[in-house]
C-alpha atoms as a PDB file:
ATOM      1  CA  MET A   1     -36.903 -98.594   5.754  1.00  0.00           C
ATOM      2  CA  LYS A   2     -39.887-100.520   4.449  1.00  0.00           C
ATOM      3  CA  PRO A   3     -40.366-101.526   0.787  1.00  0.00           C
ATOM      4  CA  GLY A   4     -43.612-100.060  -0.486  1.00  0.00           C
ATOM      5  CA  SER A   5     -43.180 -96.781   1.367  1.00  0.00           C
ATOM      6  CA  SER A   6     -42.490 -93.491  -0.400  1.00  0.00           C
ATOM      7  CA  ARG A   7     -38.760 -94.133  -0.087  1.00  0.00           C
ATOM      8  CA  PHE A   8     -39.121 -97.059  -2.458  1.00  0.00           C
ATOM      9  CA  ARG A   9     -40.493 -95.182  -5.450  1.00  0.00           C
ATOM     10  CA  ILE A  10     -38.251 -95.060  -8.472  1.00  0.00           C
ATOM     11  CA  ARG A  11     -38.085 -92.509 -11.239  1.00  0.00           C
ATOM     12  CA  PRO A  12     -36.910 -94.380 -14.358  1.00  0.00           C
ATOM     13  CA  SER A  13     -34.438 -91.786 -15.567  1.00  0.00           C
ATOM     14  CA  GLY A  14     -30.688 -91.334 -15.851  1.00  0.00           C
ATOM     15  CA  LEU A  15     -28.236 -93.487 -13.990  1.00  0.00           C
ATOM     16  CA  THR A  16     -30.884 -94.673 -11.489  1.00  0.00           C
ATOM     17  CA  ARG A  17     -32.920 -96.473 -14.160  1.00  0.00           C
ATOM     18  CA  LEU A  18     -33.556-100.129 -13.404  1.00  0.00           C
ATOM     19  CA  PRO A  19     -32.612-102.588 -16.171  1.00  0.00           C
ATOM     20  CA  ARG A  20     -35.368-104.559 -17.851  1.00  0.00           C
ATOM     21  CA  ALA A  21     -36.152-108.064 -16.698  1.00  0.00           C
ATOM     22  CA  ALA A  22     -38.826-110.637 -17.473  1.00  0.00           C
ATOM     23  CA  PRO A  23     -40.092-113.650 -15.513  1.00  0.00           C
ATOM     24  CA  GLY A  24     -37.870-116.670 -16.022  1.00  0.00           C
ATOM     25  CA  MET A  25     -34.712-114.672 -16.697  1.00  0.00           C
ATOM     26  CA  ARG A  26     -31.589-115.684 -14.767  1.00  0.00           C
ATOM     27  CA  ILE A  27     -29.946-112.503 -13.501  1.00  0.00           C
ATOM     28  CA  GLY A  28     -26.858-112.103 -11.347  1.00  0.00           C
ATOM     29  CA  LEU A  29     -26.765-109.174  -8.925  1.00  0.00           C
ATOM     30  CA  TYR A  30     -23.268-107.847  -8.273  1.00  0.00           C
ATOM     31  CA  GLY A  31     -23.289-104.981  -5.795  1.00  0.00           C
ATOM     32  CA  GLY A  32     -20.451-102.757  -4.685  1.00  0.00           C
ATOM     33  CA  SER A  33     -19.072 -99.255  -4.549  1.00  0.00           C
ATOM     34  CA  PHE A  34     -17.101 -99.804  -7.804  1.00  0.00           C
ATOM     35  CA  ASN A  35     -14.694 -97.145  -6.574  1.00  0.00           C
ATOM     36  CA  PRO A  36     -13.382 -97.582  -9.202  1.00  0.00           C
ATOM     37  CA  ALA A  37     -14.650-100.421 -11.401  1.00  0.00           C
ATOM     38  CA  HIS A  38     -11.867-102.544 -12.865  1.00  0.00           C
ATOM     39  CA  ALA A  39     -11.163-105.619 -14.983  1.00  0.00           C
ATOM     40  CA  GLY A  40     -11.492-107.829 -11.900  1.00  0.00           C
ATOM     41  CA  HIS A  41     -15.184-106.941 -11.643  1.00  0.00           C
ATOM     42  CA  ARG A  42     -15.622-107.837 -15.301  1.00  0.00           C
ATOM     43  CA  HIS A  43     -13.753-111.118 -14.771  1.00  0.00           C
ATOM     44  CA  VAL A  44     -16.112-112.093 -11.938  1.00  0.00           C
ATOM     45  CA  SER A  45     -19.140-111.205 -14.050  1.00  0.00           C
ATOM     46  CA  LEU A  46     -18.024-113.176 -17.098  1.00  0.00           C
ATOM     47  CA  MET A  47     -17.290-116.196 -14.899  1.00  0.00           C
ATOM     48  CA  ALA A  48     -20.751-115.964 -13.343  1.00  0.00           C
ATOM     49  CA  LEU A  49     -22.439-115.593 -16.727  1.00  0.00           C
ATOM     50  CA  LYS A  50     -20.753-118.749 -17.990  1.00  0.00           C
ATOM     51  CA  ARG A  51     -20.688-120.984 -14.914  1.00  0.00           C
ATOM     52  CA  LEU A  52     -24.215-120.136 -13.730  1.00  0.00           C
ATOM     53  CA  GLY A  53     -25.837-119.885 -17.160  1.00  0.00           C
ATOM     54  CA  LEU A  54     -27.035-116.337 -16.493  1.00  0.00           C
ATOM     55  CA  ASP A  55     -28.815-114.131 -19.000  1.00  0.00           C
ATOM     56  CA  ARG A  56     -27.563-110.874 -17.478  1.00  0.00           C
ATOM     57  CA  VAL A  57     -25.458-109.482 -14.650  1.00  0.00           C
ATOM     58  CA  TRP A  58     -26.432-106.201 -13.016  1.00  0.00           C
ATOM     59  CA  TRP A  59     -23.684-104.098 -11.490  1.00  0.00           C
ATOM     60  CA  ILE A  60     -25.402-102.283  -8.626  1.00  0.00           C
ATOM     61  CA  VAL A  61     -23.309 -99.199  -7.863  1.00  0.00           C
ATOM     62  CA  THR A  62     -24.028 -98.396  -4.223  1.00  0.00           C
ATOM     63  CA  PRO A  63     -24.194 -94.926  -2.635  1.00  0.00           C
ATOM     64  CA  GLY A  64     -21.792 -96.239   0.027  1.00  0.00           C
ATOM     65  CA  ASN A  65     -20.856 -99.298   2.058  1.00  0.00           C
ATOM     66  CA  PRO A  66     -21.843 -99.163   5.763  1.00  0.00           C
ATOM     67  CA  LEU A  67     -18.846-101.402   6.584  1.00  0.00           C
ATOM     68  CA  LYS A  68     -16.275 -99.311   4.716  1.00  0.00           C
ATOM     69  CA  ASP A  69     -14.820 -95.825   4.971  1.00  0.00           C
ATOM     70  CA  THR A  70     -16.534 -93.578   2.414  1.00  0.00           C
ATOM     71  CA  GLY A  71     -13.961 -90.790   2.687  1.00  0.00           C
ATOM     72  CA  GLU A  72     -12.476 -91.588  -0.732  1.00  0.00           C
ATOM     73  CA  LEU A  73     -15.799 -92.257  -2.440  1.00  0.00           C
ATOM     74  CA  VAL A  74     -16.142 -90.302  -5.694  1.00  0.00           C
ATOM     75  CA  THR A  75     -19.502 -89.239  -7.119  1.00  0.00           C
ATOM     76  CA  THR A  76     -22.009 -91.870  -8.135  1.00  0.00           C
ATOM     77  CA  ALA A  77     -22.172 -90.447 -11.662  1.00  0.00           C
ATOM     78  CA  ARG A  78     -18.432 -90.869 -12.159  1.00  0.00           C
ATOM     79  CA  ARG A  79     -18.430 -94.407 -10.748  1.00  0.00           C
ATOM     80  CA  VAL A  80     -21.308 -95.389 -13.039  1.00  0.00           C
ATOM     81  CA  GLU A  81     -19.551 -93.871 -16.055  1.00  0.00           C
ATOM     82  CA  GLU A  82     -16.335 -95.759 -15.334  1.00  0.00           C
ATOM     83  CA  ALA A  83     -18.244 -98.979 -14.656  1.00  0.00           C
ATOM     84  CA  GLU A  84     -19.991 -98.742 -18.026  1.00  0.00           C
ATOM     85  CA  GLN A  85     -16.630 -98.315 -19.742  1.00  0.00           C
ATOM     86  CA  VAL A  86     -15.052-101.246 -17.904  1.00  0.00           C
ATOM     87  CA  SER A  87     -17.977-103.681 -18.222  1.00  0.00           C
ATOM     88  CA  ASP A  88     -17.691-103.756 -22.030  1.00  0.00           C
ATOM     89  CA  ASP A  89     -20.244-106.537 -22.495  1.00  0.00           C
ATOM     90  CA  PRO A  90     -23.870-106.234 -23.645  1.00  0.00           C
ATOM     91  CA  ARG A  91     -24.936-108.735 -20.969  1.00  0.00           C
ATOM     92  CA  ILE A  92     -23.726-106.493 -18.136  1.00  0.00           C
ATOM     93  CA  ASP A  93     -26.038-103.674 -17.019  1.00  0.00           C
ATOM     94  CA  VAL A  94     -24.851-100.858 -14.750  1.00  0.00           C
ATOM     95  CA  THR A  95     -27.348 -99.166 -12.439  1.00  0.00           C
ATOM     96  CA  ALA A  96     -27.294 -96.935  -9.348  1.00  0.00           C
ATOM     97  CA  PHE A  97     -30.970 -97.333  -8.460  1.00  0.00           C
ATOM     98  CA  GLU A  98     -30.218 -97.800  -4.742  1.00  0.00           C
ATOM     99  CA  GLU A  99     -29.558 -94.086  -4.459  1.00  0.00           C
ATOM    100  CA  GLU A 100     -33.043 -93.371  -5.788  1.00  0.00           C
ATOM    101  CA  ILE A 101     -34.959 -95.786  -3.571  1.00  0.00           C
ATOM    102  CA  GLY A 102     -32.992 -94.884  -0.463  1.00  0.00           C
ATOM    103  CA  ALA A 103     -31.657 -98.377   0.204  1.00  0.00           C
ATOM    104  CA  ARG A 104     -28.519 -98.495   2.322  1.00  0.00           C
ATOM    105  CA  TYR A 105     -28.321-102.200   3.079  1.00  0.00           C
ATOM    106  CA  THR A 106     -28.204-105.158   0.697  1.00  0.00           C
ATOM    107  CA  VAL A 107     -31.113-106.865   2.445  1.00  0.00           C
ATOM    108  CA  ASP A 108     -33.346-103.867   1.623  1.00  0.00           C
ATOM    109  CA  THR A 109     -32.183-103.778  -1.996  1.00  0.00           C
ATOM    110  CA  LEU A 110     -32.864-107.472  -2.568  1.00  0.00           C
ATOM    111  CA  THR A 111     -36.257-107.263  -0.860  1.00  0.00           C
ATOM    112  CA  TYR A 112     -37.186-104.445  -3.242  1.00  0.00           C
ATOM    113  CA  LEU A 113     -36.033-106.334  -6.341  1.00  0.00           C
ATOM    114  CA  LYS A 114     -37.818-109.551  -5.381  1.00  0.00           C
ATOM    115  CA  ARG A 115     -41.083-107.657  -5.014  1.00  0.00           C
ATOM    116  CA  ARG A 116     -40.622-105.592  -8.162  1.00  0.00           C
ATOM    117  CA  TYR A 117     -39.622-108.534 -10.376  1.00  0.00           C
ATOM    118  CA  PRO A 118     -41.650-111.608  -9.368  1.00  0.00           C
ATOM    119  CA  GLY A 119     -40.619-114.641 -11.370  1.00  0.00           C
ATOM    120  CA  VAL A 120     -37.080-113.452 -12.130  1.00  0.00           C
ATOM    121  CA  ARG A 121     -34.418-115.896 -10.969  1.00  0.00           C
ATOM    122  CA  PHE A 122     -31.953-113.656  -9.178  1.00  0.00           C
ATOM    123  CA  VAL A 123     -28.565-114.805  -7.880  1.00  0.00           C
ATOM    124  CA  TRP A 124     -26.522-112.703  -5.470  1.00  0.00           C
ATOM    125  CA  ILE A 125     -22.849-112.607  -6.513  1.00  0.00           C
ATOM    126  CA  MET A 126     -20.021-111.744  -4.154  1.00  0.00           C
ATOM    127  CA  GLY A 127     -16.301-112.279  -3.753  1.00  0.00           C
ATOM    128  CA  ALA A 128     -14.753-114.609  -1.203  1.00  0.00           C
ATOM    129  CA  ASP A 129     -13.607-111.567   0.788  1.00  0.00           C
ATOM    130  CA  ASN A 130     -17.251-110.596   1.285  1.00  0.00           C
ATOM    131  CA  LEU A 131     -18.218-114.096   2.395  1.00  0.00           C
ATOM    132  CA  ALA A 132     -15.541-113.865   5.090  1.00  0.00           C
ATOM    133  CA  SER A 133     -17.368-110.886   6.629  1.00  0.00           C
ATOM    134  CA  PHE A 134     -20.902-111.785   5.517  1.00  0.00           C
ATOM    135  CA  HIS A 135     -21.993-112.469   9.103  1.00  0.00           C
ATOM    136  CA  ARG A 136     -21.517-108.745   9.811  1.00  0.00           C
ATOM    137  CA  TRP A 137     -24.030-107.700   7.146  1.00  0.00           C
ATOM    138  CA  ARG A 138     -27.433-106.565   8.315  1.00  0.00           C
ATOM    139  CA  GLY A 139     -29.954-109.363   7.759  1.00  0.00           C
ATOM    140  CA  TRP A 140     -27.390-111.768   6.299  1.00  0.00           C
ATOM    141  CA  ARG A 141     -29.493-114.816   7.131  1.00  0.00           C
ATOM    142  CA  ARG A 142     -32.489-113.198   5.398  1.00  0.00           C
ATOM    143  CA  ILE A 143     -30.333-112.553   2.340  1.00  0.00           C
ATOM    144  CA  ALA A 144     -29.356-116.232   2.237  1.00  0.00           C
ATOM    145  CA  ARG A 145     -33.024-117.234   2.433  1.00  0.00           C
ATOM    146  CA  MET A 146     -34.060-114.695  -0.198  1.00  0.00           C
ATOM    147  CA  MET A 147     -32.083-115.891  -3.227  1.00  0.00           C
ATOM    148  CA  PRO A 148     -29.269-118.273  -4.216  1.00  0.00           C
ATOM    149  CA  MET A 149     -25.733-116.943  -3.840  1.00  0.00           C
ATOM    150  CA  ALA A 150     -22.551-117.440  -5.856  1.00  0.00           C
ATOM    151  CA  VAL A 151     -19.226-116.778  -4.162  1.00  0.00           C
ATOM    152  CA  ILE A 152     -16.241-116.164  -6.440  1.00  0.00           C
ATOM    153  CA  ASP A 153     -12.792-117.076  -5.121  1.00  0.00           C
ATOM    154  CA  ARG A 154     -10.280-114.266  -4.583  1.00  0.00           C
ATOM    155  CA  PRO A 155      -6.526-114.431  -3.961  1.00  0.00           C
ATOM    156  CA  GLY A 156      -5.729-114.752  -0.269  1.00  0.00           C
ATOM    157  CA  TRP A 157      -9.331-115.278   0.828  1.00  0.00           C
ATOM    158  CA  THR A 158     -10.137-118.913   0.057  1.00  0.00           C
ATOM    159  CA  LEU A 159      -9.600-120.427   3.506  1.00  0.00           C
ATOM    160  CA  LYS A 160     -10.886-117.393   5.411  1.00  0.00           C
ATOM    161  CA  ALA A 161     -14.106-117.500   3.406  1.00  0.00           C
ATOM    162  CA  ILE A 162     -14.705-121.246   3.600  1.00  0.00           C
ATOM    163  CA  HIS A 163     -14.127-121.306   7.364  1.00  0.00           C
ATOM    164  CA  SER A 164     -16.028-118.100   8.090  1.00  0.00           C
ATOM    165  CA  ARG A 165     -18.949-117.937  10.482  1.00  0.00           C
ATOM    166  CA  SER A 166     -21.502-117.506   7.698  1.00  0.00           C
ATOM    167  CA  ALA A 167     -20.071-120.286   5.510  1.00  0.00           C
ATOM    168  CA  THR A 168     -20.177-122.647   8.475  1.00  0.00           C
ATOM    169  CA  ALA A 169     -23.761-121.692   9.297  1.00  0.00           C
ATOM    170  CA  LEU A 170     -24.816-122.211   5.674  1.00  0.00           C
ATOM    171  CA  SER A 171     -22.708-125.312   4.994  1.00  0.00           C
ATOM    172  CA  ALA A 172     -25.740-127.583   4.569  1.00  0.00           C
ATOM    173  CA  SER A 173     -27.041-125.473   1.676  1.00  0.00           C
ATOM    174  CA  ARG A 174     -23.772-125.371  -0.282  1.00  0.00           C
ATOM    175  CA  ILE A 175     -23.800-127.182  -3.622  1.00  0.00           C
ATOM    176  CA  SER A 176     -20.819-128.502  -5.567  1.00  0.00           C
ATOM    177  CA  GLU A 177     -19.295-126.566  -8.429  1.00  0.00           C
ATOM    178  CA  ASN A 178     -20.412-129.131 -10.990  1.00  0.00           C
ATOM    179  CA  GLU A 179     -24.006-128.264 -10.054  1.00  0.00           C
ATOM    180  CA  ALA A 180     -23.495-124.517 -10.533  1.00  0.00           C
ATOM    181  CA  LEU A 181     -25.660-124.292 -13.663  1.00  0.00           C
ATOM    182  CA  ALA A 182     -28.663-125.341 -11.599  1.00  0.00           C
ATOM    183  CA  LEU A 183     -28.126-122.686  -8.907  1.00  0.00           C
ATOM    184  CA  PRO A 184     -30.451-119.951 -10.296  1.00  0.00           C
ATOM    185  CA  GLY A 185     -33.377-122.365 -10.228  1.00  0.00           C
ATOM    186  CA  LEU A 186     -32.813-123.692  -6.723  1.00  0.00           C
ATOM    187  CA  GLU A 187     -34.900-122.768  -3.709  1.00  0.00           C
ATOM    188  CA  PRO A 188     -32.804-120.721  -1.264  1.00  0.00           C
ATOM    189  CA  PRO A 189     -30.841-121.075   0.852  1.00  0.00           C
ATOM    190  CA  ALA A 190     -28.444-122.426  -1.763  1.00  0.00           C
ATOM    191  CA  TRP A 191     -24.937-121.293  -2.636  1.00  0.00           C
ATOM    192  CA  VAL A 192     -21.833-122.296  -4.510  1.00  0.00           C
ATOM    193  CA  PHE A 193     -18.153-121.423  -4.173  1.00  0.00           C
ATOM    194  CA  LEU A 194     -16.615-121.014  -7.623  1.00  0.00           C
ATOM    195  CA  HIS A 195     -12.899-121.523  -8.175  1.00  0.00           C
ATOM    196  CA  GLY A 196     -11.061-120.537 -11.328  1.00  0.00           C
ATOM    197  CA  PRO A 197      -8.600-117.978 -12.670  1.00  0.00           C
ATOM    198  CA  ARG A 198      -8.392-115.194 -10.079  1.00  0.00           C
ATOM    199  CA  SER A 199      -7.812-111.485 -10.545  1.00  0.00           C
ATOM    200  CA  HIS A 200      -5.397-109.680  -8.217  1.00  0.00           C
ATOM    201  CA  LEU A 201      -6.896-106.296  -9.042  1.00  0.00           C
ATOM    202  CA  SER A 202      -8.659-104.361  -6.300  1.00  0.00           C
ATOM    203  CA  SER A 203     -10.333-100.969  -6.100  1.00  0.00           C
ATOM    204  CA  THR A 204      -8.214-100.118  -3.047  1.00  0.00           C
ATOM    205  CA  LYS A 205      -4.969-100.640  -4.966  1.00  0.00           C
ATOM    206  CA  LEU A 206      -6.262 -98.631  -7.912  1.00  0.00           C
ATOM    207  CA  ARG A 207      -7.180 -95.709  -5.639  1.00  0.00           C
ATOM    208  CA  GLN A 208      -3.682 -95.796  -4.170  1.00  0.00           C
ATOM    209  CA  MET A 209      -2.203 -95.721  -7.676  1.00  0.00           C
ATOM    210  CA  ARG A 210      -4.367 -92.746  -8.597  1.00  0.00           C
ATOM    211  CA  ARG A 211      -3.178 -90.807  -5.566  1.00  0.00           C
ATOM    212  CA  THR A 212       0.446 -91.263  -6.621  1.00  0.00           C
ATOM    213  CA  SER A 213      -0.155 -90.667 -10.336  1.00  0.00           C
ATOM    214  CA  PRO A 214       0.517 -87.152 -11.723  1.00  0.00           C
ATOM    215  CA  THR A 215      -2.769 -87.294 -13.626  1.00  0.00           C
ATOM    216  CA  GLY A 216      -4.712 -89.091 -10.907  1.00  0.00           C
ATOM    217  CA  ARG A 217      -5.842 -91.632 -13.500  1.00  0.00           C
ATOM    218  CA  HIS A 218      -4.829 -95.154 -14.513  1.00  0.00           C
END
């Protein structure tokens, strides 16, 4: 798909509305299926807001992940509703605009946002588990050249992430944690690996709990 084509027109209504942004703002982009959203997502976002000096974090609720099984994926509307309840912070915006513009891959989404919001200092946020498989993403090198990236440590993934193919390829552009506040203003490729208190929550575990719960909710 090509940004600028009819597939990249957005109707600013409902859950697909894009949040507001102005040139100079420092905004973290946190994409995922959020199936379901949980306190771990909020923990990552609050850490990024503080450590990177961000103004906002956008939770981008995706229609589906090409690298994951979508068999247990609930409706976008429900995932957005739950994400809004879990986020519980005025600096976190929840949006499902990818469904409207027809973007399936992160590289397409980020290309669209860079063109739509010139002057905004975006940072791509992902967990260490995603860095471990980042080399499998479509256009992962383009993503790294498009905007700075912040990788948040996750239990059991530290070494796998740091020694992954993508981390090795991008090792020269990694900055130290004590420089994290400068990341949004750096010219990409630039990335940081942030350590700190880690959440053991995962959407997979929560889905398993729901299946075994009489109410299907937790």
